[in-house]
Amino acid sequence: MLTSKDIIDALKLNPHPEGGYFKEIYRSEGVIKKDSLDFITHGDRNYCTSIYFLLVQEDYSAFHRIKQDEIWHFYLGSTLLLHTINVKGGYKRIRIGNNISEEEVLQYVVPAGTWFASELENKNEFALCGCTVSPGFDFNDFEMPEKNQLLKLFPFHEEIINRLGYSKK
């Protein structure tokens, strides 16, 4: 039986700052020049990037956002719960998995600028996903505030932000 440790070792995953494990598996050679992008950057961006992303047991990916669309792809394991809060404060929970008869989706696009976090539906399992970002991901486009900052913006989402928000340890 495949374990999360087997996946971490086989795919050579590393801890991700937001939680979970990851490894970049693709970064296009093509580049979009800074002056052609419709958002403020600190440089050019690759056309596209892609990573493996693994969550295990009680771990979660803390609320964060990026300046690009991010496409989540389900590969294997337990259902992943993706929580989003858009710029107007609208909340949505998406079930990413392979049980499409139970309204799970195999892919989901998080729109640029949307706050999002993820966790496992079954805390005793793992979920292996892929995340594709276009224009390509750069940590300069990554924002992960502490939970008290998000609570000021979205006090009506206190429960989910307190549970999946970032706290300095």
N, C-alpha and C. Protein backbone atom coordinates (compact mmCIF):
# COMPACT_ATOMS: atom_id res chain seq x y z
N MET A 1 0.84 -1.19 0.00
CA MET A 1 0.00 0.00 0.00
C MET A 1 0.88 1.25 0.00
N LEU A 2 0.59 2.17 -0.86
CA LEU A 2 1.36 3.40 -1.01
C LEU A 2 1.13 4.32 0.19
N THR A 3 2.21 4.83 0.76
CA THR A 3 2.10 5.76 1.90
C THR A 3 2.55 7.15 1.46
N SER A 4 2.25 8.14 2.29
CA SER A 4 2.69 9.50 1.99
C SER A 4 4.22 9.58 1.98
N LYS A 5 4.87 8.82 2.84
CA LYS A 5 6.34 8.82 2.84
C LYS A 5 6.88 8.25 1.53
N ASP A 6 6.23 7.21 1.00
CA ASP A 6 6.63 6.65 -0.29
C ASP A 6 6.55 7.73 -1.38
N ILE A 7 5.47 8.51 -1.36
CA ILE A 7 5.27 9.56 -2.37
C ILE A 7 6.32 10.66 -2.21
N ILE A 8 6.54 11.09 -0.96
CA ILE A 8 7.55 12.14 -0.70
C ILE A 8 8.91 11.69 -1.21
N ASP A 9 9.28 10.44 -0.92
CA ASP A 9 10.58 9.92 -1.34
C ASP A 9 10.66 9.74 -2.86
N ALA A 10 9.63 9.13 -3.46
CA ALA A 10 9.66 8.84 -4.89
C ALA A 10 9.67 10.11 -5.74
N LEU A 11 8.90 11.11 -5.31
CA LEU A 11 8.80 12.35 -6.09
C LEU A 11 9.77 13.44 -5.63
N LYS A 12 10.54 13.13 -4.56
CA LYS A 12 11.53 14.07 -4.01
C LYS A 12 10.87 15.40 -3.63
N LEU A 13 9.78 15.30 -2.86
CA LEU A 13 9.03 16.49 -2.43
C LEU A 13 9.71 17.16 -1.25
N ASN A 14 9.52 18.47 -1.14
CA ASN A 14 10.06 19.27 -0.04
C ASN A 14 8.92 19.99 0.68
N PRO A 15 9.12 20.36 1.95
CA PRO A 15 8.07 21.12 2.66
C PRO A 15 7.77 22.43 1.93
N HIS A 16 6.47 22.77 1.86
CA HIS A 16 6.04 24.02 1.22
C HIS A 16 5.79 25.05 2.32
N PRO A 17 6.11 26.34 2.10
CA PRO A 17 5.89 27.37 3.13
C PRO A 17 4.44 27.48 3.61
N GLU A 18 3.47 27.17 2.75
CA GLU A 18 2.06 27.30 3.13
C GLU A 18 1.54 26.05 3.83
N GLY A 19 2.34 24.96 3.86
CA GLY A 19 1.93 23.67 4.41
C GLY A 19 1.98 22.62 3.32
N GLY A 20 2.11 21.37 3.69
CA GLY A 20 2.20 20.29 2.72
C GLY A 20 3.59 20.17 2.13
N TYR A 21 3.68 19.43 1.03
CA TYR A 21 4.95 19.16 0.35
C TYR A 21 4.78 19.45 -1.14
N PHE A 22 5.88 19.80 -1.80
CA PHE A 22 5.79 20.13 -3.22
C PHE A 22 7.11 19.89 -3.94
N LYS A 23 7.01 19.87 -5.24
CA LYS A 23 8.19 19.90 -6.10
C LYS A 23 7.76 20.48 -7.44
N GLU A 24 8.50 21.47 -7.89
CA GLU A 24 8.23 22.00 -9.22
C GLU A 24 8.63 20.95 -10.25
N ILE A 25 7.71 20.67 -11.20
CA ILE A 25 8.00 19.66 -12.22
C ILE A 25 8.06 20.25 -13.62
N TYR A 26 7.59 21.49 -13.76
CA TYR A 26 7.64 22.12 -15.08
C TYR A 26 7.73 23.63 -14.94
N ARG A 27 8.59 24.22 -15.75
CA ARG A 27 8.70 25.66 -15.91
C ARG A 27 8.99 25.90 -17.37
N SER A 28 8.06 26.52 -18.08
CA SER A 28 8.24 26.71 -19.52
C SER A 28 9.50 27.53 -19.80
N GLU A 29 10.08 27.27 -20.94
CA GLU A 29 11.22 28.07 -21.36
C GLU A 29 10.77 29.44 -21.83
N GLY A 30 9.57 29.52 -22.41
CA GLY A 30 9.06 30.78 -22.91
C GLY A 30 8.78 31.75 -21.78
N VAL A 31 8.99 33.03 -22.04
CA VAL A 31 8.87 34.07 -21.02
C VAL A 31 7.96 35.18 -21.52
N ILE A 32 7.12 35.68 -20.62
CA ILE A 32 6.29 36.84 -20.88
C ILE A 32 7.01 38.04 -20.26
N LYS A 33 7.24 39.06 -21.04
CA LYS A 33 7.93 40.25 -20.54
C LYS A 33 7.04 41.01 -19.56
N LYS A 34 7.66 41.58 -18.56
CA LYS A 34 6.96 42.31 -17.49
C LYS A 34 5.96 43.32 -18.04
N ASP A 35 6.33 44.07 -19.05
CA ASP A 35 5.45 45.12 -19.58
C ASP A 35 4.25 44.56 -20.36
N SER A 36 4.21 43.25 -20.59
CA SER A 36 3.06 42.62 -21.26
C SER A 36 2.08 42.00 -20.27
N LEU A 37 2.41 42.01 -18.99
CA LEU A 37 1.55 41.41 -17.97
C LEU A 37 0.57 42.44 -17.43
N ASP A 38 -0.62 41.96 -17.07
CA ASP A 38 -1.65 42.88 -16.58
C ASP A 38 -1.65 43.01 -15.06
N PHE A 39 -0.60 42.55 -14.41
CA PHE A 39 -0.46 42.76 -12.97
C PHE A 39 0.96 43.20 -12.67
N ILE A 40 1.14 43.84 -11.53
CA ILE A 40 2.45 44.37 -11.15
C ILE A 40 3.37 43.23 -10.76
N THR A 41 4.53 43.16 -11.39
CA THR A 41 5.51 42.13 -11.08
C THR A 41 6.87 42.77 -10.83
N HIS A 42 7.75 41.94 -10.32
CA HIS A 42 9.14 42.35 -10.13
C HIS A 42 10.00 41.69 -11.20
N GLY A 43 9.44 41.52 -12.39
CA GLY A 43 10.21 40.92 -13.48
C GLY A 43 9.32 40.14 -14.43
N ASP A 44 9.97 39.48 -15.36
CA ASP A 44 9.28 38.67 -16.35
C ASP A 44 8.73 37.40 -15.69
N ARG A 45 7.82 36.70 -16.39
CA ARG A 45 7.26 35.44 -15.91
C ARG A 45 7.29 34.41 -17.02
N ASN A 46 7.54 33.18 -16.65
CA ASN A 46 7.45 32.08 -17.60
C ASN A 46 5.99 31.93 -18.04
N TYR A 47 5.78 31.34 -19.21
CA TYR A 47 4.40 31.13 -19.67
C TYR A 47 3.60 30.33 -18.66
N CYS A 48 4.22 29.30 -18.08
CA CYS A 48 3.48 28.36 -17.24
C CYS A 48 4.44 27.63 -16.30
N THR A 49 3.95 27.25 -15.12
CA THR A 49 4.69 26.39 -14.20
C THR A 49 3.73 25.35 -13.64
N SER A 50 4.31 24.25 -13.15
CA SER A 50 3.49 23.18 -12.59
C SER A 50 4.25 22.51 -11.45
N ILE A 51 3.51 22.12 -10.40
CA ILE A 51 4.10 21.42 -9.26
C ILE A 51 3.27 20.19 -8.90
N TYR A 52 3.92 19.24 -8.21
CA TYR A 52 3.22 18.24 -7.44
C TYR A 52 2.95 18.88 -6.08
N PHE A 53 1.79 18.59 -5.48
CA PHE A 53 1.47 19.10 -4.16
C PHE A 53 0.83 17.98 -3.35
N LEU A 54 1.36 17.73 -2.17
CA LEU A 54 0.90 16.65 -1.30
C LEU A 54 0.50 17.19 0.06
N LEU A 55 -0.70 16.84 0.51
CA LEU A 55 -1.11 17.10 1.88
C LEU A 55 -1.21 15.76 2.59
N VAL A 56 -0.78 15.73 3.85
CA VAL A 56 -0.82 14.50 4.64
C VAL A 56 -1.52 14.75 5.97
N GLN A 57 -2.38 13.84 6.34
CA GLN A 57 -3.07 13.80 7.62
C GLN A 57 -3.61 15.15 8.06
N GLU A 58 -3.19 15.63 9.23
CA GLU A 58 -3.73 16.87 9.81
C GLU A 58 -3.15 18.14 9.19
N ASP A 59 -2.18 17.99 8.30
CA ASP A 59 -1.55 19.15 7.68
C ASP A 59 -2.57 19.90 6.82
N TYR A 60 -2.33 21.16 6.59
CA TYR A 60 -3.18 21.95 5.70
C TYR A 60 -2.35 23.00 4.99
N SER A 61 -2.90 23.51 3.92
CA SER A 61 -2.29 24.61 3.19
C SER A 61 -2.99 25.87 3.67
N ALA A 62 -2.24 26.79 4.30
CA ALA A 62 -2.81 28.00 4.90
C ALA A 62 -3.30 28.97 3.83
N PHE A 63 -4.25 29.82 4.22
CA PHE A 63 -4.79 30.81 3.29
C PHE A 63 -3.66 31.67 2.72
N HIS A 64 -3.70 31.78 1.41
CA HIS A 64 -2.73 32.59 0.67
C HIS A 64 -3.37 32.97 -0.66
N ARG A 65 -2.69 33.79 -1.42
CA ARG A 65 -3.16 34.11 -2.77
C ARG A 65 -1.96 34.42 -3.64
N ILE A 66 -2.22 34.31 -4.95
CA ILE A 66 -1.21 34.68 -5.93
C ILE A 66 -1.88 35.56 -6.99
N LYS A 67 -1.09 36.14 -7.84
CA LYS A 67 -1.59 37.09 -8.83
C LYS A 67 -2.07 36.41 -10.12
N GLN A 68 -1.92 35.09 -10.21
CA GLN A 68 -2.28 34.36 -11.41
C GLN A 68 -3.39 33.35 -11.10
N ASP A 69 -4.03 32.84 -12.16
CA ASP A 69 -4.94 31.72 -11.99
C ASP A 69 -4.11 30.49 -11.62
N GLU A 70 -4.70 29.63 -10.78
CA GLU A 70 -4.04 28.37 -10.42
C GLU A 70 -5.02 27.23 -10.64
N ILE A 71 -4.61 26.26 -11.45
CA ILE A 71 -5.45 25.10 -11.75
C ILE A 71 -4.99 23.93 -10.88
N TRP A 72 -5.93 23.39 -10.10
CA TRP A 72 -5.67 22.21 -9.26
C TRP A 72 -6.10 20.97 -10.02
N HIS A 73 -5.26 19.92 -9.99
CA HIS A 73 -5.53 18.64 -10.65
C HIS A 73 -5.43 17.55 -9.58
N PHE A 74 -6.44 16.70 -9.48
CA PHE A 74 -6.41 15.60 -8.51
C PHE A 74 -5.72 14.38 -9.13
N TYR A 75 -4.80 13.76 -8.35
CA TYR A 75 -4.12 12.54 -8.81
C TYR A 75 -4.54 11.31 -8.01
N LEU A 76 -4.34 11.35 -6.69
CA LEU A 76 -4.71 10.16 -5.91
C LEU A 76 -4.81 10.50 -4.44
N GLY A 77 -5.47 9.59 -3.69
CA GLY A 77 -5.62 9.75 -2.26
C GLY A 77 -7.01 10.19 -1.87
N SER A 78 -7.09 10.85 -0.74
CA SER A 78 -8.34 11.31 -0.16
C SER A 78 -8.83 12.59 -0.83
N THR A 79 -10.09 12.85 -0.69
CA THR A 79 -10.68 14.08 -1.19
C THR A 79 -10.01 15.29 -0.53
N LEU A 80 -9.69 16.27 -1.33
CA LEU A 80 -9.11 17.52 -0.85
C LEU A 80 -10.21 18.57 -0.80
N LEU A 81 -10.30 19.29 0.30
CA LEU A 81 -11.24 20.39 0.42
C LEU A 81 -10.49 21.69 0.18
N LEU A 82 -10.91 22.40 -0.85
CA LEU A 82 -10.30 23.68 -1.19
C LEU A 82 -11.27 24.77 -0.78
N HIS A 83 -10.81 25.70 0.05
CA HIS A 83 -11.64 26.80 0.56
C HIS A 83 -11.17 28.09 -0.11
N THR A 84 -12.11 28.84 -0.68
CA THR A 84 -11.75 30.09 -1.35
C THR A 84 -12.56 31.25 -0.79
N ILE A 85 -11.93 32.41 -0.75
CA ILE A 85 -12.60 33.68 -0.40
C ILE A 85 -12.21 34.67 -1.49
N ASN A 86 -13.20 35.14 -2.25
CA ASN A 86 -12.87 36.06 -3.33
C ASN A 86 -12.72 37.49 -2.79
N VAL A 87 -12.34 38.41 -3.66
CA VAL A 87 -12.05 39.78 -3.23
C VAL A 87 -13.26 40.48 -2.63
N LYS A 88 -14.48 40.03 -2.98
CA LYS A 88 -15.70 40.62 -2.41
C LYS A 88 -16.13 39.92 -1.11
N GLY A 89 -15.37 38.90 -0.70
CA GLY A 89 -15.68 38.19 0.54
C GLY A 89 -16.53 36.96 0.36
N GLY A 90 -16.83 36.58 -0.87
CA GLY A 90 -17.63 35.38 -1.12
C GLY A 90 -16.83 34.13 -0.84
N TYR A 91 -17.40 33.23 -0.05
CA TYR A 91 -16.74 31.98 0.34
C TYR A 91 -17.29 30.82 -0.49
N LYS A 92 -16.40 29.88 -0.81
CA LYS A 92 -16.79 28.67 -1.52
C LYS A 92 -15.91 27.52 -1.07
N ARG A 93 -16.53 26.33 -0.90
CA ARG A 93 -15.76 25.12 -0.60
C ARG A 93 -15.91 24.17 -1.77
N ILE A 94 -14.78 23.69 -2.29
CA ILE A 94 -14.76 22.81 -3.44
C ILE A 94 -14.16 21.48 -3.01
N ARG A 95 -14.80 20.39 -3.42
CA ARG A 95 -14.30 19.04 -3.13
C ARG A 95 -13.55 18.55 -4.37
N ILE A 96 -12.24 18.39 -4.24
CA ILE A 96 -11.42 17.93 -5.34
C ILE A 96 -11.07 16.47 -5.09
N GLY A 97 -11.46 15.63 -6.02
CA GLY A 97 -11.21 14.19 -5.88
C GLY A 97 -11.69 13.46 -7.11
N ASN A 98 -11.72 12.12 -7.02
CA ASN A 98 -12.10 11.35 -8.20
C ASN A 98 -13.48 10.71 -8.09
N ASN A 99 -14.27 11.09 -7.09
CA ASN A 99 -15.62 10.57 -6.94
C ASN A 99 -16.60 11.58 -7.54
N ILE A 100 -16.65 11.61 -8.87
CA ILE A 100 -17.45 12.64 -9.54
C ILE A 100 -18.95 12.45 -9.32
N SER A 101 -19.39 11.24 -8.96
CA SER A 101 -20.81 11.03 -8.67
C SER A 101 -21.21 11.69 -7.35
N GLU A 102 -20.21 12.05 -6.53
CA GLU A 102 -20.45 12.74 -5.26
C GLU A 102 -20.07 14.21 -5.34
N GLU A 103 -20.14 14.76 -6.54
CA GLU A 103 -19.88 16.17 -6.80
C GLU A 103 -18.44 16.60 -6.48
N GLU A 104 -17.52 15.65 -6.62
CA GLU A 104 -16.11 16.00 -6.55
C GLU A 104 -15.66 16.35 -7.97
N VAL A 105 -14.68 17.23 -8.05
CA VAL A 105 -14.15 17.62 -9.36
C VAL A 105 -12.71 17.16 -9.48
N LEU A 106 -12.32 16.82 -10.69
CA LEU A 106 -10.96 16.38 -10.95
C LEU A 106 -10.01 17.56 -11.11
N GLN A 107 -10.56 18.71 -11.53
CA GLN A 107 -9.79 19.94 -11.69
C GLN A 107 -10.63 21.11 -11.19
N TYR A 108 -9.92 22.14 -10.72
CA TYR A 108 -10.61 23.36 -10.32
C TYR A 108 -9.66 24.53 -10.52
N VAL A 109 -10.19 25.64 -11.04
CA VAL A 109 -9.38 26.84 -11.25
C VAL A 109 -9.66 27.85 -10.14
N VAL A 110 -8.62 28.23 -9.41
CA VAL A 110 -8.71 29.32 -8.43
C VAL A 110 -8.35 30.59 -9.18
N PRO A 111 -9.30 31.53 -9.31
CA PRO A 111 -9.02 32.75 -10.05
C PRO A 111 -7.92 33.60 -9.39
N ALA A 112 -7.19 34.31 -10.19
CA ALA A 112 -6.13 35.20 -9.71
C ALA A 112 -6.68 36.12 -8.61
N GLY A 113 -5.89 36.32 -7.55
CA GLY A 113 -6.26 37.24 -6.48
C GLY A 113 -7.21 36.67 -5.44
N THR A 114 -7.62 35.42 -5.60
CA THR A 114 -8.53 34.78 -4.65
C THR A 114 -7.72 34.17 -3.50
N TRP A 115 -8.18 34.39 -2.28
CA TRP A 115 -7.56 33.75 -1.11
C TRP A 115 -7.98 32.29 -1.11
N PHE A 116 -7.05 31.36 -0.84
CA PHE A 116 -7.43 29.96 -0.79
C PHE A 116 -6.56 29.17 0.17
N ALA A 117 -7.17 28.11 0.70
CA ALA A 117 -6.51 27.19 1.63
C ALA A 117 -7.05 25.81 1.31
N SER A 118 -6.34 24.77 1.74
CA SER A 118 -6.82 23.41 1.50
C SER A 118 -6.52 22.52 2.70
N GLU A 119 -7.34 21.47 2.79
CA GLU A 119 -7.18 20.47 3.85
C GLU A 119 -7.75 19.15 3.34
N LEU A 120 -7.46 18.09 4.05
CA LEU A 120 -7.98 16.78 3.69
C LEU A 120 -9.36 16.58 4.28
N GLU A 121 -10.24 15.94 3.53
CA GLU A 121 -11.53 15.57 4.08
C GLU A 121 -11.34 14.46 5.11
N ASN A 122 -10.49 13.48 4.80
CA ASN A 122 -10.17 12.39 5.72
C ASN A 122 -8.78 12.66 6.29
N LYS A 123 -8.72 13.04 7.55
CA LYS A 123 -7.46 13.46 8.18
C LYS A 123 -6.48 12.31 8.40
N ASN A 124 -6.88 11.08 8.12
CA ASN A 124 -5.97 9.94 8.28
C ASN A 124 -5.32 9.54 6.96
N GLU A 125 -5.55 10.29 5.92
CA GLU A 125 -5.10 9.94 4.58
C GLU A 125 -4.11 10.96 4.04
N PHE A 126 -3.97 10.98 2.72
CA PHE A 126 -3.17 11.98 2.02
C PHE A 126 -3.88 12.30 0.71
N ALA A 127 -3.50 13.39 0.09
CA ALA A 127 -3.99 13.74 -1.24
C ALA A 127 -2.81 14.25 -2.05
N LEU A 128 -2.63 13.67 -3.22
CA LEU A 128 -1.61 14.13 -4.16
C LEU A 128 -2.32 14.84 -5.30
N CYS A 129 -1.94 16.09 -5.50
CA CYS A 129 -2.52 16.92 -6.56
C CYS A 129 -1.40 17.53 -7.38
N GLY A 130 -1.79 18.16 -8.46
CA GLY A 130 -0.89 19.00 -9.22
C GLY A 130 -1.47 20.39 -9.27
N CYS A 131 -0.62 21.39 -9.35
CA CYS A 131 -1.07 22.77 -9.46
C CYS A 131 -0.33 23.41 -10.64
N THR A 132 -1.10 23.97 -11.56
CA THR A 132 -0.54 24.63 -12.74
C THR A 132 -0.88 26.11 -12.66
N VAL A 133 0.13 26.96 -12.85
CA VAL A 133 -0.04 28.41 -12.74
C VAL A 133 0.39 29.06 -14.05
N SER A 134 -0.45 29.99 -14.51
CA SER A 134 -0.14 30.71 -15.73
C SER A 134 -0.64 32.15 -15.63
N PRO A 135 0.18 33.16 -15.95
CA PRO A 135 1.62 33.09 -16.17
C PRO A 135 2.31 32.39 -15.00
N GLY A 136 3.47 31.87 -15.26
CA GLY A 136 4.18 31.03 -14.30
C GLY A 136 4.35 31.62 -12.91
N PHE A 137 4.37 30.72 -11.93
CA PHE A 137 4.50 31.10 -10.53
C PHE A 137 5.88 31.69 -10.23
N ASP A 138 5.87 32.68 -9.36
CA ASP A 138 7.09 33.26 -8.81
C ASP A 138 6.76 33.64 -7.38
N PHE A 139 7.64 33.34 -6.42
CA PHE A 139 7.34 33.64 -5.02
C PHE A 139 7.12 35.13 -4.77
N ASN A 140 7.55 36.00 -5.68
CA ASN A 140 7.25 37.44 -5.55
C ASN A 140 5.77 37.73 -5.70
N ASP A 141 5.01 36.78 -6.29
CA ASP A 141 3.58 36.96 -6.49
C ASP A 141 2.75 36.27 -5.40
N PHE A 142 3.41 35.73 -4.40
CA PHE A 142 2.80 34.93 -3.34
C PHE A 142 2.59 35.80 -2.10
N GLU A 143 1.40 35.74 -1.53
CA GLU A 143 1.06 36.52 -0.34
C GLU A 143 0.38 35.60 0.68
N MET A 144 0.94 35.50 1.89
CA MET A 144 0.37 34.67 2.94
C MET A 144 0.39 35.45 4.26
N PRO A 145 -0.63 36.27 4.49
CA PRO A 145 -0.67 37.08 5.71
C PRO A 145 -1.02 36.22 6.92
N GLU A 146 -0.72 36.74 8.09
CA GLU A 146 -1.15 36.05 9.31
C GLU A 146 -2.67 36.13 9.41
N LYS A 147 -3.23 35.18 10.13
CA LYS A 147 -4.69 35.07 10.18
C LYS A 147 -5.37 36.33 10.72
N ASN A 148 -4.73 37.07 11.64
CA ASN A 148 -5.38 38.28 12.17
C ASN A 148 -5.57 39.34 11.08
N GLN A 149 -4.68 39.37 10.09
CA GLN A 149 -4.83 40.31 8.97
C GLN A 149 -6.03 39.92 8.10
N LEU A 150 -6.21 38.62 7.85
CA LEU A 150 -7.35 38.16 7.07
C LEU A 150 -8.66 38.36 7.83
N LEU A 151 -8.62 38.19 9.14
CA LEU A 151 -9.83 38.39 9.94
C LEU A 151 -10.31 39.84 9.88
N LYS A 152 -9.38 40.78 9.75
CA LYS A 152 -9.78 42.19 9.60
C LYS A 152 -10.51 42.41 8.28
N LEU A 153 -10.10 41.70 7.24
CA LEU A 153 -10.74 41.82 5.93
C LEU A 153 -12.07 41.06 5.86
N PHE A 154 -12.11 39.88 6.51
CA PHE A 154 -13.25 38.99 6.39
C PHE A 154 -13.69 38.45 7.75
N PRO A 155 -14.15 39.32 8.65
CA PRO A 155 -14.52 38.86 10.01
C PRO A 155 -15.67 37.85 9.99
N PHE A 156 -16.48 37.85 8.96
CA PHE A 156 -17.62 36.94 8.85
C PHE A 156 -17.18 35.53 8.47
N HIS A 157 -15.90 35.32 8.19
CA HIS A 157 -15.35 33.99 7.90
C HIS A 157 -14.38 33.56 9.01
N GLU A 158 -14.68 33.98 10.23
CA GLU A 158 -13.79 33.76 11.37
C GLU A 158 -13.45 32.29 11.58
N GLU A 159 -14.43 31.41 11.52
CA GLU A 159 -14.18 29.99 11.83
C GLU A 159 -13.15 29.39 10.87
N ILE A 160 -13.36 29.55 9.57
CA ILE A 160 -12.45 28.93 8.59
C ILE A 160 -11.08 29.61 8.59
N ILE A 161 -11.02 30.91 8.79
CA ILE A 161 -9.73 31.61 8.83
C ILE A 161 -8.95 31.21 10.08
N ASN A 162 -9.63 31.11 11.23
CA ASN A 162 -8.93 30.68 12.44
C ASN A 162 -8.41 29.26 12.31
N ARG A 163 -9.13 28.40 11.60
CA ARG A 163 -8.73 27.00 11.45
C ARG A 163 -7.63 26.82 10.41
N LEU A 164 -7.68 27.58 9.31
CA LEU A 164 -6.74 27.37 8.21
C LEU A 164 -5.87 28.58 7.90
N GLY A 165 -5.86 29.55 8.78
CA GLY A 165 -5.01 30.72 8.58
C GLY A 165 -3.59 30.47 9.06
N TYR A 166 -2.70 31.29 8.60
CA TYR A 166 -1.28 31.20 8.95
C TYR A 166 -1.02 31.91 10.27
N SER A 167 -0.23 31.26 11.11
CA SER A 167 0.25 31.85 12.36
C SER A 167 1.75 31.62 12.46
N LYS A 168 2.48 32.66 12.81
CA LYS A 168 3.92 32.46 13.04
C LYS A 168 4.07 31.55 14.24
N LYS A 169 5.00 30.61 14.14
CA LYS A 169 5.20 29.63 15.22
C LYS A 169 6.34 29.98 16.08
